[in-house]
Amino acid sequence: DALCEGEGVIDIGGDPGFVAAELLHSGIHVTVIDPAFGFAGKSDAFTTSFVQDPAHWKRVRQGATPFRIVRQPFDQAFASSPSNQRLLEGASALVALYPDEGTDFIMQYTAARAKRTALIPCNECWQYFPPHEPTYEGFVKQLLLNDCHYLHRFGQNAPLRREQIWGTPYCQVLLARSP
């Protein structure tokens, strides 16, 4: 029920729409923030058709728009824009699967607000792996350490927790924050 509140879930970098499709299927309204949504060559016709299906109006909470796309990067400029404040402040959660260069900003943003978050760090972004431990495991450890620093700086107490995802073909690490 918590995910259905307010502006619903924000899916950052949500192309090709798989997370949005699952949320909609569960009756949860979602906004995808991705400057290349539908243009990156990742989408498939079934998912695109499903997320646009008008039947979702009956599945989500009355008064909520089932599916929205914002074709902008999720960065400081986006977060600072007055036109985005209602969406950001009202979001029930932020989800980001493999957010690449957006990872650090997403972590800072959600730490500052103790915002419900689910993030899967990119396992192919070796350029972000720390030099002292240049592995995916080292990257995850560094992200958790950075999160502790952000929480301290912002006076919050809702740390990211490392969760294990079983049976997935790629990354099996999920970093989750609950308020």
Protein backbone atom coordinates (compact mmCIF):
# COMPACT_ATOMS: atom_id res chain seq x y z
CA ASP A 1 0.00 0.00 0.00
CA ALA A 2 2.87 2.41 0.75
CA LEU A 3 4.02 2.34 -2.87
CA CYS A 4 0.56 3.46 -4.08
CA GLU A 5 0.68 6.67 -2.04
CA GLY A 6 1.26 10.17 -3.36
CA GLU A 7 2.91 10.41 -6.75
CA GLY A 8 3.72 6.70 -6.79
CA VAL A 9 7.07 5.17 -7.66
CA ILE A 10 9.75 6.94 -9.66
CA ASP A 11 11.75 4.61 -11.92
CA ILE A 12 15.02 6.34 -12.79
CA GLY A 13 16.56 5.30 -16.10
CA GLY A 14 13.56 3.05 -16.66
CA ASP A 15 14.05 2.06 -20.29
CA PRO A 16 12.87 -0.51 -21.51
CA GLY A 17 9.98 -0.31 -19.02
CA PHE A 18 10.13 -3.72 -17.32
CA VAL A 19 9.96 -2.29 -13.78
CA ALA A 20 7.16 0.08 -14.80
CA ALA A 21 5.23 -2.84 -16.31
CA GLU A 22 5.51 -4.88 -13.11
CA LEU A 23 4.46 -1.94 -10.96
CA LEU A 24 1.45 -1.24 -13.17
CA HIS A 25 0.52 -4.92 -13.13
CA SER A 26 0.48 -4.65 -9.32
CA GLY A 27 -1.72 -1.54 -9.36
CA ILE A 28 1.11 0.89 -8.54
CA HIS A 29 1.37 4.10 -10.55
CA VAL A 30 4.82 4.95 -11.85
CA THR A 31 6.77 7.77 -13.43
CA VAL A 32 9.81 6.90 -15.52
CA ILE A 33 12.53 9.54 -15.54
CA ASP A 34 14.84 8.72 -18.44
CA PRO A 35 16.00 11.11 -21.19
CA ALA A 36 16.22 8.25 -23.70
CA PHE A 37 13.10 6.25 -22.77
CA GLY A 38 11.84 4.55 -25.91
CA PHE A 39 14.77 5.75 -27.99
CA ALA A 40 17.69 3.73 -26.63
CA GLY A 41 16.89 0.62 -28.65
CA LYS A 42 16.20 -1.49 -25.56
CA SER A 43 12.41 -1.48 -25.65
CA ASP A 44 10.20 -4.22 -27.01
CA ALA A 45 6.75 -3.85 -28.53
CA PHE A 46 4.94 -5.90 -25.86
CA THR A 47 6.28 -3.88 -22.91
CA THR A 48 5.69 -0.58 -24.68
CA SER A 49 2.12 -1.58 -25.45
CA PHE A 50 1.52 -2.87 -21.92
CA VAL A 51 2.67 0.28 -20.09
CA GLN A 52 0.48 2.43 -22.38
CA ASP A 53 -2.64 0.24 -21.90
CA PRO A 54 -5.62 2.38 -20.79
CA ALA A 55 -6.84 -0.51 -18.60
CA HIS A 56 -4.28 0.56 -15.98
CA TRP A 57 -6.56 3.47 -15.05
CA LYS A 58 -8.79 0.86 -13.39
CA ARG A 59 -5.89 -0.82 -11.56
CA VAL A 60 -4.27 2.16 -9.87
CA ARG A 61 -5.62 4.31 -7.06
CA GLN A 62 -8.40 6.65 -8.19
CA GLY A 63 -7.02 10.04 -9.19
CA ALA A 64 -3.54 8.70 -9.97
CA THR A 65 -2.07 8.76 -13.48
CA PRO A 66 -0.92 5.17 -14.10
CA PHE A 67 2.14 5.85 -16.25
CA ARG A 68 4.13 8.99 -16.94
CA ILE A 69 7.38 9.54 -18.79
CA VAL A 70 9.74 12.43 -18.05
CA ARG A 71 12.47 12.54 -20.69
CA GLN A 72 15.10 14.31 -18.61
CA PRO A 73 18.13 13.15 -16.65
CA PHE A 74 17.67 12.70 -12.91
CA ASP A 75 20.33 15.09 -11.67
CA GLN A 76 20.73 18.21 -9.54
CA ALA A 77 19.15 20.45 -12.17
CA PHE A 78 16.08 18.19 -12.31
CA ALA A 79 15.82 17.91 -8.52
CA SER A 80 16.21 21.69 -8.09
CA SER A 81 13.57 22.63 -10.64
CA PRO A 82 10.40 23.97 -8.97
CA SER A 83 8.31 22.24 -11.65
CA ASN A 84 9.49 18.83 -10.39
CA GLN A 85 9.02 19.39 -6.65
CA ARG A 86 5.52 17.94 -6.37
CA LEU A 87 6.59 14.75 -8.13
CA LEU A 88 9.79 14.33 -6.13
CA GLU A 89 8.36 15.20 -2.72
CA GLY A 90 5.28 13.05 -3.30
CA ALA A 91 7.10 9.98 -4.61
CA SER A 92 6.50 6.87 -2.53
CA ALA A 93 9.85 5.37 -3.63
CA LEU A 94 12.71 5.70 -6.08
CA VAL A 95 13.87 2.68 -8.06
CA ALA A 96 17.04 2.61 -10.15
CA LEU A 97 18.37 -0.50 -11.85
CA TYR A 98 21.91 -0.03 -13.13
CA PRO A 99 21.89 3.80 -12.93
CA ASP A 100 25.55 4.09 -14.00
CA GLU A 101 26.77 7.69 -13.53
CA GLY A 102 23.53 8.60 -11.74
CA THR A 103 24.23 6.28 -8.80
CA ASP A 104 25.96 8.78 -6.54
CA PHE A 105 23.38 11.53 -7.03
CA ILE A 106 20.51 9.09 -6.42
CA MET A 107 22.16 7.96 -3.20
CA GLN A 108 22.72 11.53 -2.00
CA TYR A 109 19.19 12.59 -2.92
CA THR A 110 17.51 9.67 -1.16
CA ALA A 111 19.83 9.84 1.87
CA ALA A 112 19.03 13.54 2.38
CA ARG A 113 15.31 12.75 2.46
CA ALA A 114 15.38 9.22 3.93
CA LYS A 115 13.38 8.26 0.83
CA ARG A 116 12.37 4.64 0.22
CA THR A 117 14.85 3.38 -2.38
CA ALA A 118 15.73 0.27 -4.36
CA LEU A 119 18.96 0.43 -6.34
CA ILE A 120 20.94 -2.23 -8.19
CA PRO A 121 24.48 -0.97 -8.84
CA CYS A 122 25.82 -1.55 -12.34
CA ASN A 123 28.24 -4.47 -12.47
CA GLU A 124 29.71 -3.36 -15.80
CA CYS A 125 30.69 0.17 -14.76
CA TRP A 126 34.24 -0.66 -13.81
CA GLN A 127 35.20 3.02 -14.19
CA TYR A 128 33.35 3.61 -10.89
CA PHE A 129 35.02 0.75 -9.04
CA PRO A 130 37.28 2.12 -6.28
CA PRO A 131 41.03 1.90 -6.98
CA HIS A 132 41.71 0.29 -3.59
CA GLU A 133 39.34 -2.62 -4.42
CA PRO A 134 38.56 -2.52 -8.18
CA THR A 135 35.83 -5.17 -8.18
CA TYR A 136 32.04 -5.16 -8.09
CA GLU A 137 32.20 -6.20 -4.44
CA GLY A 138 34.53 -3.27 -3.76
CA PHE A 139 32.11 -0.96 -5.57
CA VAL A 140 29.17 -2.12 -3.44
CA LYS A 141 31.19 -1.70 -0.24
CA GLN A 142 32.21 1.81 -1.32
CA LEU A 143 28.60 2.74 -2.08
CA LEU A 144 27.50 1.61 1.38
CA LEU A 145 30.33 3.59 2.97
CA ASN A 146 29.41 6.67 0.93
CA ASP A 147 25.81 6.26 2.03
CA CYS A 148 26.88 6.34 5.69
CA HIS A 149 28.69 9.63 5.04
CA TYR A 150 25.66 11.11 3.26
CA LEU A 151 23.33 10.11 6.09
CA HIS A 152 25.65 11.71 8.63
CA ARG A 153 25.95 14.89 6.55
CA PHE A 154 22.17 15.19 6.17
CA GLY A 155 21.32 14.13 9.73
CA GLN A 156 19.28 11.13 8.62
CA ASN A 157 19.13 7.57 9.93
CA ALA A 158 17.77 5.37 7.13
CA PRO A 159 20.78 3.52 5.71
CA LEU A 160 20.86 1.54 2.51
CA ARG A 161 20.82 -2.17 3.30
CA ARG A 162 22.44 -4.76 1.13
CA GLU A 163 20.01 -7.48 0.04
CA GLN A 164 20.68 -10.61 -1.99
CA ILE A 165 18.57 -11.33 -5.07
CA TRP A 166 18.55 -15.02 -5.86
CA GLY A 167 18.19 -16.54 -9.32
CA THR A 168 18.97 -13.46 -11.36
CA PRO A 169 21.18 -13.68 -14.43
CA TYR A 170 23.14 -10.49 -13.72
CA CYS A 171 23.61 -8.52 -10.53
CA GLN A 172 22.44 -10.18 -7.36
CA VAL A 173 22.89 -7.14 -5.12
CA LEU A 174 20.03 -4.82 -4.24
CA LEU A 175 20.62 -1.78 -2.07
CA ALA A 176 17.38 -0.87 -0.30
CA ARG A 177 16.44 2.04 1.96
CA SER A 178 13.31 2.04 4.10
CA PRO A 179 12.27 5.14 6.02
